[in-house]
PDB file of N, CA and C in Angstrom:
ATOM      1  N   MET A   1     -34.338   4.836  -7.742  1.00  0.00           N
ATOM      2  CA  MET A   1     -33.109   4.717  -6.971  1.00  0.00           C
ATOM      3  C   MET A   1     -31.972   4.290  -7.911  1.00  0.00           C
ATOM      4  N   VAL A   2     -30.849   4.955  -7.770  1.00  0.00           N
ATOM      5  CA  VAL A   2     -29.694   4.675  -8.613  1.00  0.00           C
ATOM      6  C   VAL A   2     -28.929   3.479  -8.031  1.00  0.00           C
ATOM      7  N   SER A   3     -28.614   2.526  -8.891  1.00  0.00           N
ATOM      8  CA  SER A   3     -27.929   1.325  -8.424  1.00  0.00           C
ATOM      9  C   SER A   3     -26.432   1.592  -8.243  1.00  0.00           C
ATOM     10  N   LEU A   4     -25.781   0.690  -7.529  1.00  0.00           N
ATOM     11  CA  LEU A   4     -24.341   0.789  -7.331  1.00  0.00           C
ATOM     12  C   LEU A   4     -23.618   0.729  -8.672  1.00  0.00           C
ATOM     13  N   ALA A   5     -24.066  -0.131  -9.555  1.00  0.00           N
ATOM     14  CA  ALA A   5     -23.431  -0.249 -10.876  1.00  0.00           C
ATOM     15  C   ALA A   5     -23.542   1.057 -11.658  1.00  0.00           C
ATOM     16  N   GLU A   6     -24.687   1.718 -11.564  1.00  0.00           N
ATOM     17  CA  GLU A   6     -24.867   2.992 -12.272  1.00  0.00           C
ATOM     18  C   GLU A   6     -23.984   4.082 -11.664  1.00  0.00           C
ATOM     19  N   ARG A   7     -23.869   4.090 -10.350  1.00  0.00           N
ATOM     20  CA  ARG A   7     -23.010   5.075  -9.683  1.00  0.00           C
ATOM     21  C   ARG A   7     -21.545   4.839 -10.041  1.00  0.00           C
ATOM     22  N   ARG A   8     -21.145   3.560 -10.070  1.00  0.00           N
ATOM     23  CA  ARG A   8     -19.761   3.226 -10.455  1.00  0.00           C
ATOM     24  C   ARG A   8     -19.484   3.705 -11.875  1.00  0.00           C
ATOM     25  N   ALA A   9     -20.392   3.417 -12.787  1.00  0.00           N
ATOM     26  CA  ALA A   9     -20.219   3.810 -14.196  1.00  0.00           C
ATOM     27  C   ALA A   9     -20.110   5.330 -14.320  1.00  0.00           C
ATOM     28  N   SER A  10     -20.945   6.043 -13.593  1.00  0.00           N
ATOM     29  CA  SER A  10     -20.905   7.503 -13.627  1.00  0.00           C
ATOM     30  C   SER A  10     -19.569   8.027 -13.101  1.00  0.00           C
ATOM     31  N   LEU A  11     -19.095   7.459 -12.013  1.00  0.00           N
ATOM     32  CA  LEU A  11     -17.814   7.859 -11.437  1.00  0.00           C
ATOM     33  C   LEU A  11     -16.657   7.535 -12.387  1.00  0.00           C
ATOM     34  N   GLU A  12     -16.699   6.376 -13.002  1.00  0.00           N
ATOM     35  CA  GLU A  12     -15.666   5.982 -13.965  1.00  0.00           C
ATOM     36  C   GLU A  12     -15.637   6.959 -15.145  1.00  0.00           C
ATOM     37  N   GLN A  13     -16.809   7.361 -15.641  1.00  0.00           N
ATOM     38  CA  GLN A  13     -16.873   8.317 -16.749  1.00  0.00           C
ATOM     39  C   GLN A  13     -16.318   9.674 -16.337  1.00  0.00           C
ATOM     40  N   TRP A  14     -16.633  10.102 -15.123  1.00  0.00           N
ATOM     41  CA  TRP A  14     -16.127  11.373 -14.603  1.00  0.00           C
ATOM     42  C   TRP A  14     -14.609  11.351 -14.509  1.00  0.00           C
ATOM     43  N   ILE A  15     -14.050  10.252 -14.009  1.00  0.00           N
ATOM     44  CA  ILE A  15     -12.588  10.113 -13.911  1.00  0.00           C
ATOM     45  C   ILE A  15     -11.965  10.152 -15.298  1.00  0.00           C
ATOM     46  N   ASP A  16     -12.558   9.440 -16.233  1.00  0.00           N
ATOM     47  CA  ASP A  16     -12.039   9.439 -17.604  1.00  0.00           C
ATOM     48  C   ASP A  16     -12.050  10.852 -18.204  1.00  0.00           C
ATOM     49  N   ARG A  17     -13.118  11.617 -17.933  1.00  0.00           N
ATOM     50  CA  ARG A  17     -13.168  12.997 -18.437  1.00  0.00           C
ATOM     51  C   ARG A  17     -12.051  13.836 -17.820  1.00  0.00           C
ATOM     52  N   LEU A  18     -11.857  13.707 -16.516  1.00  0.00           N
ATOM     53  CA  LEU A  18     -10.802  14.470 -15.849  1.00  0.00           C
ATOM     54  C   LEU A  18      -9.420  14.114 -16.390  1.00  0.00           C
ATOM     55  N   LEU A  19      -9.172  12.822 -16.564  1.00  0.00           N
ATOM     56  CA  LEU A  19      -7.868  12.389 -17.063  1.00  0.00           C
ATOM     57  C   LEU A  19      -7.655  12.748 -18.529  1.00  0.00           C
ATOM     58  N   GLY A  20      -8.733  13.017 -19.243  1.00  0.00           N
ATOM     59  CA  GLY A  20      -8.625  13.341 -20.659  1.00  0.00           C
ATOM     60  C   GLY A  20      -8.504  14.824 -20.955  1.00  0.00           C
ATOM     61  N   GLU A  21      -8.641  15.674 -19.928  1.00  0.00           N
ATOM     62  CA  GLU A  21      -8.569  17.118 -20.154  1.00  0.00           C
ATOM     63  C   GLU A  21      -7.150  17.531 -20.530  1.00  0.00           C
ATOM     64  N   PRO A  22      -7.040  18.509 -21.436  1.00  0.00           N
ATOM     65  CA  PRO A  22      -5.710  18.981 -21.831  1.00  0.00           C
ATOM     66  C   PRO A  22      -5.031  19.730 -20.681  1.00  0.00           C
ATOM     67  N   LEU A  23      -3.742  19.495 -20.525  1.00  0.00           N
ATOM     68  CA  LEU A  23      -2.959  20.144 -19.473  1.00  0.00           C
ATOM     69  C   LEU A  23      -1.714  20.765 -20.079  1.00  0.00           C
ATOM     70  N   GLU A  24      -1.211  21.809 -19.419  1.00  0.00           N
ATOM     71  CA  GLU A  24      -0.021  22.480 -19.927  1.00  0.00           C
ATOM     72  C   GLU A  24       1.151  22.397 -18.960  1.00  0.00           C
ATOM     73  N   ARG A  25       0.903  22.443 -17.674  1.00  0.00           N
ATOM     74  CA  ARG A  25       1.984  22.453 -16.681  1.00  0.00           C
ATOM     75  C   ARG A  25       2.586  21.060 -16.527  1.00  0.00           C
ATOM     76  N   ALA A  26       3.905  21.028 -16.422  1.00  0.00           N
ATOM     77  CA  ALA A  26       4.623  19.752 -16.331  1.00  0.00           C
ATOM     78  C   ALA A  26       4.183  18.946 -15.107  1.00  0.00           C
ATOM     79  N   GLY A  27       3.997  19.619 -13.976  1.00  0.00           N
ATOM     80  CA  GLY A  27       3.589  18.922 -12.750  1.00  0.00           C
ATOM     81  C   GLY A  27       2.221  18.277 -12.889  1.00  0.00           C
ATOM     82  N   GLU A  28       1.301  18.999 -13.506  1.00  0.00           N
ATOM     83  CA  GLU A  28      -0.039  18.460 -13.717  1.00  0.00           C
ATOM     84  C   GLU A  28      -0.002  17.261 -14.660  1.00  0.00           C
ATOM     85  N   ILE A  29       0.825  17.365 -15.682  1.00  0.00           N
ATOM     86  CA  ILE A  29       0.940  16.265 -16.650  1.00  0.00           C
ATOM     87  C   ILE A  29       1.519  15.027 -15.972  1.00  0.00           C
ATOM     88  N   ARG A  30       2.519  15.218 -15.110  1.00  0.00           N
ATOM     89  CA  ARG A  30       3.104  14.073 -14.380  1.00  0.00           C
ATOM     90  C   ARG A  30       2.063  13.387 -13.496  1.00  0.00           C
ATOM     91  N   ILE A  31       1.271  14.197 -12.808  1.00  0.00           N
ATOM     92  CA  ILE A  31       0.231  13.626 -11.939  1.00  0.00           C
ATOM     93  C   ILE A  31      -0.797  12.876 -12.772  1.00  0.00           C
ATOM     94  N   ARG A  32      -1.246  13.497 -13.875  1.00  0.00           N
ATOM     95  CA  ARG A  32      -2.214  12.822 -14.734  1.00  0.00           C
ATOM     96  C   ARG A  32      -1.658  11.517 -15.285  1.00  0.00           C
ATOM     97  N   ASN A  33      -0.396  11.531 -15.716  1.00  0.00           N
ATOM     98  CA  ASN A  33       0.220  10.307 -16.249  1.00  0.00           C
ATOM     99  C   ASN A  33       0.275   9.220 -15.188  1.00  0.00           C
ATOM    100  N   ARG A  34       0.606   9.624 -13.966  1.00  0.00           N
ATOM    101  CA  ARG A  34       0.661   8.648 -12.867  1.00  0.00           C
ATOM    102  C   ARG A  34      -0.728   8.074 -12.576  1.00  0.00           C
ATOM    103  N   LEU A  35      -1.716   8.949 -12.512  1.00  0.00           N
ATOM    104  CA  LEU A  35      -3.083   8.479 -12.271  1.00  0.00           C
ATOM    105  C   LEU A  35      -3.583   7.611 -13.422  1.00  0.00           C
ATOM    106  N   SER A  36      -3.238   7.981 -14.643  1.00  0.00           N
ATOM    107  CA  SER A  36      -3.650   7.175 -15.802  1.00  0.00           C
ATOM    108  C   SER A  36      -3.033   5.789 -15.739  1.00  0.00           C
ATOM    109  N   LYS A  37      -1.778   5.741 -15.342  1.00  0.00           N
ATOM    110  CA  LYS A  37      -1.089   4.448 -15.233  1.00  0.00           C
ATOM    111  C   LYS A  37      -1.738   3.571 -14.155  1.00  0.00           C
ATOM    112  N   GLN A  38      -2.183   4.201 -13.073  1.00  0.00           N
ATOM    113  CA  GLN A  38      -2.803   3.473 -11.963  1.00  0.00           C
ATOM    114  C   GLN A  38      -4.319   3.360 -12.113  1.00  0.00           C
ATOM    115  N   ARG A  39      -4.851   3.830 -13.205  1.00  0.00           N
ATOM    116  CA  ARG A  39      -6.298   3.883 -13.446  1.00  0.00           C
ATOM    117  C   ARG A  39      -7.024   2.581 -13.130  1.00  0.00           C
ATOM    118  N   PRO A  40      -6.501   1.413 -13.544  1.00  0.00           N
ATOM    119  CA  PRO A  40      -7.236   0.172 -13.268  1.00  0.00           C
ATOM    120  C   PRO A  40      -7.400  -0.131 -11.771  1.00  0.00           C
ATOM    121  N   TYR A  41      -6.573   0.496 -10.939  1.00  0.00           N
ATOM    122  CA  TYR A  41      -6.584   0.178  -9.508  1.00  0.00           C
ATOM    123  C   TYR A  41      -7.242   1.258  -8.655  1.00  0.00           C
ATOM    124  N   LEU A  42      -7.559   2.399  -9.245  1.00  0.00           N
ATOM    125  CA  LEU A  42      -8.069   3.525  -8.466  1.00  0.00           C
ATOM    126  C   LEU A  42      -9.399   3.237  -7.792  1.00  0.00           C
ATOM    127  N   MET A  43     -10.276   2.530  -8.447  1.00  0.00           N
ATOM    128  CA  MET A  43     -11.617   2.309  -7.920  1.00  0.00           C
ATOM    129  C   MET A  43     -11.865   0.846  -7.545  1.00  0.00           C
ATOM    130  N   GLY A  44     -10.816   0.142  -7.219  1.00  0.00           N
ATOM    131  CA  GLY A  44     -10.948  -1.271  -6.857  1.00  0.00           C
ATOM    132  C   GLY A  44     -11.929  -1.513  -5.729  1.00  0.00           C
ATOM    133  N   CYS A  45     -12.005  -0.564  -4.784  1.00  0.00           N
ATOM    134  CA  CYS A  45     -12.917  -0.730  -3.645  1.00  0.00           C
ATOM    135  C   CYS A  45     -14.385  -0.685  -4.065  1.00  0.00           C
ATOM    136  N   LEU A  46     -14.675  -0.164  -5.244  1.00  0.00           N
ATOM    137  CA  LEU A  46     -16.058  -0.127  -5.720  1.00  0.00           C
ATOM    138  C   LEU A  46     -16.485  -1.450  -6.351  1.00  0.00           C
ATOM    139  N   TYR A  47     -15.511  -2.262  -6.713  1.00  0.00           N
ATOM    140  CA  TYR A  47     -15.803  -3.557  -7.335  1.00  0.00           C
ATOM    141  C   TYR A  47     -15.628  -4.713  -6.356  1.00  0.00           C
ATOM    142  N   ASP A  48     -14.702  -4.544  -5.427  1.00  0.00           N
ATOM    143  CA  ASP A  48     -14.498  -5.537  -4.365  1.00  0.00           C
ATOM    144  C   ASP A  48     -14.818  -4.832  -3.060  1.00  0.00           C
ATOM    145  N   LEU A  49     -16.027  -5.021  -2.576  1.00  0.00           N
ATOM    146  CA  LEU A  49     -16.492  -4.267  -1.415  1.00  0.00           C
ATOM    147  C   LEU A  49     -15.738  -4.619  -0.139  1.00  0.00           C
ATOM    148  N   ALA A  50     -14.947  -5.705  -0.161  1.00  0.00           N
ATOM    149  CA  ALA A  50     -14.113  -6.042   0.993  1.00  0.00           C
ATOM    150  C   ALA A  50     -12.840  -5.188   1.017  1.00  0.00           C
ATOM    151  N   ALA A  51     -12.489  -4.601  -0.118  1.00  0.00           N
ATOM    152  CA  ALA A  51     -11.290  -3.758  -0.206  1.00  0.00           C
ATOM    153  C   ALA A  51     -11.592  -2.388   0.384  1.00  0.00           C
ATOM    154  N   GLU A  52     -10.691  -1.920   1.230  1.00  0.00           N
ATOM    155  CA  GLU A  52     -10.886  -0.608   1.834  1.00  0.00           C
ATOM    156  C   GLU A  52     -10.453   0.486   0.853  1.00  0.00           C
ATOM    157  N   PRO A  53     -11.140   1.627   0.869  1.00  0.00           N
ATOM    158  CA  PRO A  53     -10.816   2.690  -0.079  1.00  0.00           C
ATOM    159  C   PRO A  53      -9.540   3.464   0.260  1.00  0.00           C
ATOM    160  N   THR A  54      -9.021   3.313   1.470  1.00  0.00           N
ATOM    161  CA  THR A  54      -7.787   3.991   1.859  1.00  0.00           C
ATOM    162  C   THR A  54      -6.842   2.992   2.518  1.00  0.00           C
ATOM    163  N   ASN A  55      -5.605   3.408   2.721  1.00  0.00           N
ATOM    164  CA  ASN A  55      -4.652   2.563   3.424  1.00  0.00           C
ATOM    165  C   ASN A  55      -4.513   3.003   4.881  1.00  0.00           C
ATOM    166  N   ASN A  56      -5.510   3.730   5.390  1.00  0.00           N
ATOM    167  CA  ASN A  56      -5.462   4.284   6.735  1.00  0.00           C
ATOM    168  C   ASN A  56      -5.233   3.211   7.797  1.00  0.00           C
ATOM    169  N   ARG A  57      -5.926   2.083   7.702  1.00  0.00           N
ATOM    170  CA  ARG A  57      -5.787   1.028   8.708  1.00  0.00           C
ATOM    171  C   ARG A  57      -4.354   0.489   8.712  1.00  0.00           C
ATOM    172  N   ALA A  58      -3.783   0.276   7.537  1.00  0.00           N
ATOM    173  CA  ALA A  58      -2.395  -0.215   7.450  1.00  0.00           C
ATOM    174  C   ALA A  58      -1.427   0.808   8.025  1.00  0.00           C
ATOM    175  N   GLU A  59      -1.628   2.078   7.698  1.00  0.00           N
ATOM    176  CA  GLU A  59      -0.748   3.127   8.215  1.00  0.00           C
ATOM    177  C   GLU A  59      -0.814   3.193   9.736  1.00  0.00           C
ATOM    178  N   ARG A  60      -2.016   3.114  10.285  1.00  0.00           N
ATOM    179  CA  ARG A  60      -2.167   3.173  11.745  1.00  0.00           C
ATOM    180  C   ARG A  60      -1.560   1.953  12.433  1.00  0.00           C
ATOM    181  N   SER A  61      -1.664   0.790  11.785  1.00  0.00           N
ATOM    182  CA  SER A  61      -1.109  -0.410  12.420  1.00  0.00           C
ATOM    183  C   SER A  61       0.410  -0.386  12.426  1.00  0.00           C
ATOM    184  N   LEU A  62       1.023   0.305  11.464  1.00  0.00           N
ATOM    185  CA  LEU A  62       2.486   0.392  11.412  1.00  0.00           C
ATOM    186  C   LEU A  62       3.042   1.539  12.251  1.00  0.00           C
ATOM    187  N   ARG A  63       2.199   2.452  12.692  1.00  0.00           N
ATOM    188  CA  ARG A  63       2.667   3.627  13.429  1.00  0.00           C
ATOM    189  C   ARG A  63       3.491   3.283  14.662  1.00  0.00           C
ATOM    190  N   PRO A  64       3.079   2.330  15.516  1.00  0.00           N
ATOM    191  CA  PRO A  64       3.920   2.001  16.679  1.00  0.00           C
ATOM    192  C   PRO A  64       5.313   1.509  16.283  1.00  0.00           C
ATOM    193  N   ALA A  65       5.407   0.771  15.202  1.00  0.00           N
ATOM    194  CA  ALA A  65       6.715   0.286  14.748  1.00  0.00           C
ATOM    195  C   ALA A  65       7.584   1.444  14.273  1.00  0.00           C
ATOM    196  N   VAL A  66       6.983   2.430  13.631  1.00  0.00           N
ATOM    197  CA  VAL A  66       7.742   3.601  13.167  1.00  0.00           C
ATOM    198  C   VAL A  66       8.276   4.371  14.372  1.00  0.00           C
ATOM    199  N   ILE A  67       7.447   4.534  15.386  1.00  0.00           N
ATOM    200  CA  ILE A  67       7.879   5.241  16.591  1.00  0.00           C
ATOM    201  C   ILE A  67       9.008   4.475  17.267  1.00  0.00           C
ATOM    202  N   ALA A  68       8.862   3.154  17.385  1.00  0.00           N
ATOM    203  CA  ALA A  68       9.909   2.342  18.015  1.00  0.00           C
ATOM    204  C   ALA A  68      11.213   2.432  17.228  1.00  0.00           C
ATOM    205  N   ARG A  69      11.121   2.405  15.920  1.00  0.00           N
ATOM    206  CA  ARG A  69      12.325   2.508  15.086  1.00  0.00           C
ATOM    207  C   ARG A  69      13.004   3.852  15.301  1.00  0.00           C
ATOM    208  N   LYS A  70      12.222   4.894  15.364  1.00  0.00           N
ATOM    209  CA  LYS A  70      12.800   6.218  15.534  1.00  0.00           C
ATOM    210  C   LYS A  70      13.445   6.385  16.904  1.00  0.00           C
ATOM    211  N   ILE A  71      12.889   5.725  17.906  1.00  0.00           N
ATOM    212  CA  ILE A  71      13.449   5.835  19.245  1.00  0.00           C
ATOM    213  C   ILE A  71      14.751   5.043  19.374  1.00  0.00           C
ATOM    214  N   SER A  72      14.773   3.815  18.810  1.00  0.00           N
ATOM    215  CA  SER A  72      15.977   3.025  19.041  1.00  0.00           C
ATOM    216  C   SER A  72      16.311   1.980  17.991  1.00  0.00           C
ATOM    217  N   CYS A  73      15.359   1.339  17.430  1.00  0.00           N
ATOM    218  CA  CYS A  73      15.586   0.104  16.682  1.00  0.00           C
ATOM    219  C   CYS A  73      16.091   0.309  15.267  1.00  0.00           C
ATOM    220  N   GLY A  74      17.375   0.362  15.084  1.00  0.00           N
ATOM    221  CA  GLY A  74      17.928   0.362  13.738  1.00  0.00           C
ATOM    222  C   GLY A  74      17.897   1.688  13.028  1.00  0.00           C
ATOM    223  N   ASN A  75      17.690   2.771  13.727  1.00  0.00           N
ATOM    224  CA  ASN A  75      17.606   4.060  13.071  1.00  0.00           C
ATOM    225  C   ASN A  75      18.978   4.667  12.781  1.00  0.00           C
ATOM    226  N   LYS A  76      20.048   4.035  13.185  1.00  0.00           N
ATOM    227  CA  LYS A  76      21.384   4.612  13.042  1.00  0.00           C
ATOM    228  C   LYS A  76      21.939   4.487  11.626  1.00  0.00           C
ATOM    229  N   THR A  77      21.492   3.495  10.876  1.00  0.00           N
ATOM    230  CA  THR A  77      22.002   3.301   9.519  1.00  0.00           C
ATOM    231  C   THR A  77      20.828   3.088   8.562  1.00  0.00           C
ATOM    232  N   ASP A  78      21.076   3.318   7.260  1.00  0.00           N
ATOM    233  CA  ASP A  78      20.034   3.062   6.262  1.00  0.00           C
ATOM    234  C   ASP A  78      19.651   1.587   6.255  1.00  0.00           C
ATOM    235  N   ARG A  79      20.639   0.711   6.369  1.00  0.00           N
ATOM    236  CA  ARG A  79      20.359  -0.725   6.360  1.00  0.00           C
ATOM    237  C   ARG A  79      19.495  -1.119   7.554  1.00  0.00           C
ATOM    238  N   GLY A  80      19.810  -0.590   8.730  1.00  0.00           N
ATOM    239  CA  GLY A  80      19.012  -0.878   9.921  1.00  0.00           C
ATOM    240  C   GLY A  80      17.595  -0.360   9.792  1.00  0.00           C
ATOM    241  N   ARG A  81      17.467   0.844   9.229  1.00  0.00           N
ATOM    242  CA  ARG A  81      16.132   1.424   9.033  1.00  0.00           C
ATOM    243  C   ARG A  81      15.311   0.574   8.073  1.00  0.00           C
ATOM    244  N   LYS A  82      15.907   0.191   6.957  1.00  0.00           N
ATOM    245  CA  LYS A  82      15.194  -0.613   5.963  1.00  0.00           C
ATOM    246  C   LYS A  82      14.813  -1.979   6.527  1.00  0.00           C
ATOM    247  N   THR A  83      15.752  -2.597   7.250  1.00  0.00           N
ATOM    248  CA  THR A  83      15.473  -3.906   7.851  1.00  0.00           C
ATOM    249  C   THR A  83      14.312  -3.811   8.835  1.00  0.00           C
ATOM    250  N   TRP A  84      14.332  -2.787   9.682  1.00  0.00           N
ATOM    251  CA  TRP A  84      13.260  -2.610  10.663  1.00  0.00           C
ATOM    252  C   TRP A  84      11.920  -2.384   9.958  1.00  0.00           C
ATOM    253  N   GLN A  85      11.887  -1.584   8.902  1.00  0.00           N
ATOM    254  CA  GLN A  85      10.644  -1.327   8.178  1.00  0.00           C
ATOM    255  C   GLN A  85      10.079  -2.608   7.579  1.00  0.00           C
ATOM    256  N   ILE A  86      10.943  -3.410   6.994  1.00  0.00           N
ATOM    257  CA  ILE A  86      10.488  -4.663   6.376  1.00  0.00           C
ATOM    258  C   ILE A  86       9.948  -5.612   7.432  1.00  0.00           C
ATOM    259  N   LEU A  87      10.679  -5.777   8.522  1.00  0.00           N
ATOM    260  CA  LEU A  87      10.223  -6.692   9.583  1.00  0.00           C
ATOM    261  C   LEU A  87       8.924  -6.206  10.222  1.00  0.00           C
ATOM    262  N   ALA A  88       8.799  -4.904  10.435  1.00  0.00           N
ATOM    263  CA  ALA A  88       7.572  -4.364  11.032  1.00  0.00           C
ATOM    264  C   ALA A  88       6.385  -4.568  10.095  1.00  0.00           C
ATOM    265  N   SER A  89       6.608  -4.368   8.805  1.00  0.00           N
ATOM    266  CA  SER A  89       5.533  -4.572   7.837  1.00  0.00           C
ATOM    267  C   SER A  89       5.121  -6.040   7.779  1.00  0.00           C
ATOM    268  N   LEU A  90       6.100  -6.933   7.764  1.00  0.00           N
ATOM    269  CA  LEU A  90       5.792  -8.372   7.766  1.00  0.00           C
ATOM    270  C   LEU A  90       5.043  -8.771   9.038  1.00  0.00           C
ATOM    271  N   ALA A  91       5.471  -8.242  10.180  1.00  0.00           N
ATOM    272  CA  ALA A  91       4.811  -8.566  11.448  1.00  0.00           C
ATOM    273  C   ALA A  91       3.362  -8.099  11.436  1.00  0.00           C
ATOM    274  N   ALA A  92       3.116  -6.877  10.934  1.00  0.00           N
ATOM    275  CA  ALA A  92       1.743  -6.354  10.871  1.00  0.00           C
ATOM    276  C   ALA A  92       0.882  -7.186   9.930  1.00  0.00           C
ATOM    277  N   THR A  93       1.433  -7.559   8.774  1.00  0.00           N
ATOM    278  CA  THR A  93       0.685  -8.364   7.808  1.00  0.00           C
ATOM    279  C   THR A  93       0.357  -9.728   8.392  1.00  0.00           C
ATOM    280  N   CYS A  94       1.340 -10.362   9.038  1.00  0.00           N
ATOM    281  CA  CYS A  94       1.100 -11.673   9.649  1.00  0.00           C
ATOM    282  C   CYS A  94       0.024 -11.571  10.729  1.00  0.00           C
ATOM    283  N   ALA A  95       0.079 -10.527  11.541  1.00  0.00           N
ATOM    284  CA  ALA A  95      -0.918 -10.358  12.608  1.00  0.00           C
ATOM    285  C   ALA A  95      -2.313 -10.190  12.014  1.00  0.00           C
ATOM    286  N   GLN A  96      -2.438  -9.402  10.942  1.00  0.00           N
ATOM    287  CA  GLN A  96      -3.747  -9.186  10.318  1.00  0.00           C
ATOM    288  C   GLN A  96      -4.292 -10.465   9.700  1.00  0.00           C
ATOM    289  N   ARG A  97      -3.395 -11.314   9.214  1.00  0.00           N
ATOM    290  CA  ARG A  97      -3.827 -12.566   8.585  1.00  0.00           C
ATOM    291  C   ARG A  97      -3.924 -13.721   9.575  1.00  0.00           C
ATOM    292  N   GLY A  98      -3.574 -13.466  10.822  1.00  0.00           N
ATOM    293  CA  GLY A  98      -3.632 -14.514  11.838  1.00  0.00           C
ATOM    294  C   GLY A  98      -2.489 -15.516  11.727  1.00  0.00           C
ATOM    295  N   ASN A  99      -1.379 -15.098  11.125  1.00  0.00           N
ATOM    296  CA  ASN A  99      -0.211 -15.964  10.974  1.00  0.00           C
ATOM    297  C   ASN A  99       0.849 -15.600  12.004  1.00  0.00           C
ATOM    298  N   ASP A 100       1.709 -16.550  12.306  1.00  0.00           N
ATOM    299  CA  ASP A 100       2.805 -16.312  13.231  1.00  0.00           C
ATOM    300  C   ASP A 100       4.020 -15.825  12.443  1.00  0.00           C
ATOM    301  N   LEU A 101       4.582 -14.705  12.853  1.00  0.00           N
ATOM    302  CA  LEU A 101       5.720 -14.124  12.131  1.00  0.00           C
ATOM    303  C   LEU A 101       6.913 -15.070  12.109  1.00  0.00           C
ATOM    304  N   ILE A 102       7.211 -15.709  13.225  1.00  0.00           N
ATOM    305  CA  ILE A 102       8.367 -16.606  13.298  1.00  0.00           C
ATOM    306  C   ILE A 102       8.165 -17.802  12.366  1.00  0.00           C
ATOM    307  N   ASP A 103       6.958 -18.362  12.363  1.00  0.00           N
ATOM    308  CA  ASP A 103       6.672 -19.477  11.450  1.00  0.00           C
ATOM    309  C   ASP A 103       6.825 -19.036   9.993  1.00  0.00           C
ATOM    310  N   TYR A 104       6.409 -17.811   9.708  1.00  0.00           N
ATOM    311  CA  TYR A 104       6.516 -17.305   8.338  1.00  0.00           C
ATOM    312  C   TYR A 104       7.986 -17.112   7.940  1.00  0.00           C
ATOM    313  N   LEU A 105       8.789 -16.563   8.837  1.00  0.00           N
ATOM    314  CA  LEU A 105      10.183 -16.242   8.511  1.00  0.00           C
ATOM    315  C   LEU A 105      11.137 -17.434   8.565  1.00  0.00           C
ATOM    316  N   THR A 106      10.793 -18.459   9.331  1.00  0.00           N
ATOM    317  CA  THR A 106      11.719 -19.583   9.538  1.00  0.00           C
ATOM    318  C   THR A 106      12.241 -20.196   8.240  1.00  0.00           C
ATOM    319  N   PRO A 107      11.403 -20.505   7.245  1.00  0.00           N
ATOM    320  CA  PRO A 107      11.950 -21.097   6.020  1.00  0.00           C
ATOM    321  C   PRO A 107      12.968 -20.191   5.321  1.00  0.00           C
ATOM    322  N   TYR A 108      12.764 -18.897   5.392  1.00  0.00           N
ATOM    323  CA  TYR A 108      13.684 -17.967   4.745  1.00  0.00           C
ATOM    324  C   TYR A 108      14.994 -17.868   5.520  1.00  0.00           C
ATOM    325  N   MET A 109      14.909 -17.923   6.820  1.00  0.00           N
ATOM    326  CA  MET A 109      16.116 -17.859   7.640  1.00  0.00           C
ATOM    327  C   MET A 109      16.964 -19.103   7.420  1.00  0.00           C
ATOM    328  N   THR A 110      16.308 -20.245   7.277  1.00  0.00           N
ATOM    329  CA  THR A 110      17.025 -21.489   7.022  1.00  0.00           C
ATOM    330  C   THR A 110      17.726 -21.420   5.667  1.00  0.00           C
ATOM    331  N   LEU A 111      17.021 -20.915   4.660  1.00  0.00           N
ATOM    332  CA  LEU A 111      17.608 -20.777   3.343  1.00  0.00           C
ATOM    333  C   LEU A 111      18.799 -19.837   3.362  1.00  0.00           C
ATOM    334  N   ALA A 112      18.664 -18.734   4.058  1.00  0.00           N
ATOM    335  CA  ALA A 112      19.752 -17.759   4.121  1.00  0.00           C
ATOM    336  C   ALA A 112      20.974 -18.372   4.796  1.00  0.00           C
ATOM    337  N   ALA A 113      20.746 -19.158   5.862  1.00  0.00           N
ATOM    338  CA  ALA A 113      21.865 -19.780   6.572  1.00  0.00           C
ATOM    339  C   ALA A 113      22.522 -20.842   5.699  1.00  0.00           C
ATOM    340  N   GLU A 114      21.734 -21.603   4.951  1.00  0.00           N
ATOM    341  CA  GLU A 114      22.284 -22.662   4.111  1.00  0.00           C
ATOM    342  C   GLU A 114      23.045 -22.091   2.924  1.00  0.00           C
ATOM    343  N   ASN A 115      22.581 -20.955   2.425  1.00  0.00           N
ATOM    344  CA  ASN A 115      23.206 -20.365   1.236  1.00  0.00           C
ATOM    345  C   ASN A 115      24.360 -19.414   1.591  1.00  0.00           C
ATOM    346  N   GLY A 116      24.647 -19.304   2.865  1.00  0.00           N
ATOM    347  CA  GLY A 116      25.788 -18.498   3.292  1.00  0.00           C
ATOM    348  C   GLY A 116      25.513 -17.065   3.228  1.00  0.00           C
TER     349      GLY A 116
END
């Protein structure tokens, strides 16, 4: 039976071979360069089994906020859109971690008010 460590090593070698192949097209080279730059993080889920291999859960948890933003909340300006995205992301992260969004934001709101 092949161990997890052996499978990881085999996969890492395969990725290294793919990233090392010669390329000619500019688009392919850009993709390879990007993947090479992110290489240390590509297989993190194989070393930390608590890490999910995709961001699917995060994307699904933010979907209702995206729909709400598109329907009404701040979609009229770039600033409103960006603000809504940041707040929705913070709210989702706080919910996943079991934290209260208002408790998390309060120190920053106080600082912003004090600093004008």
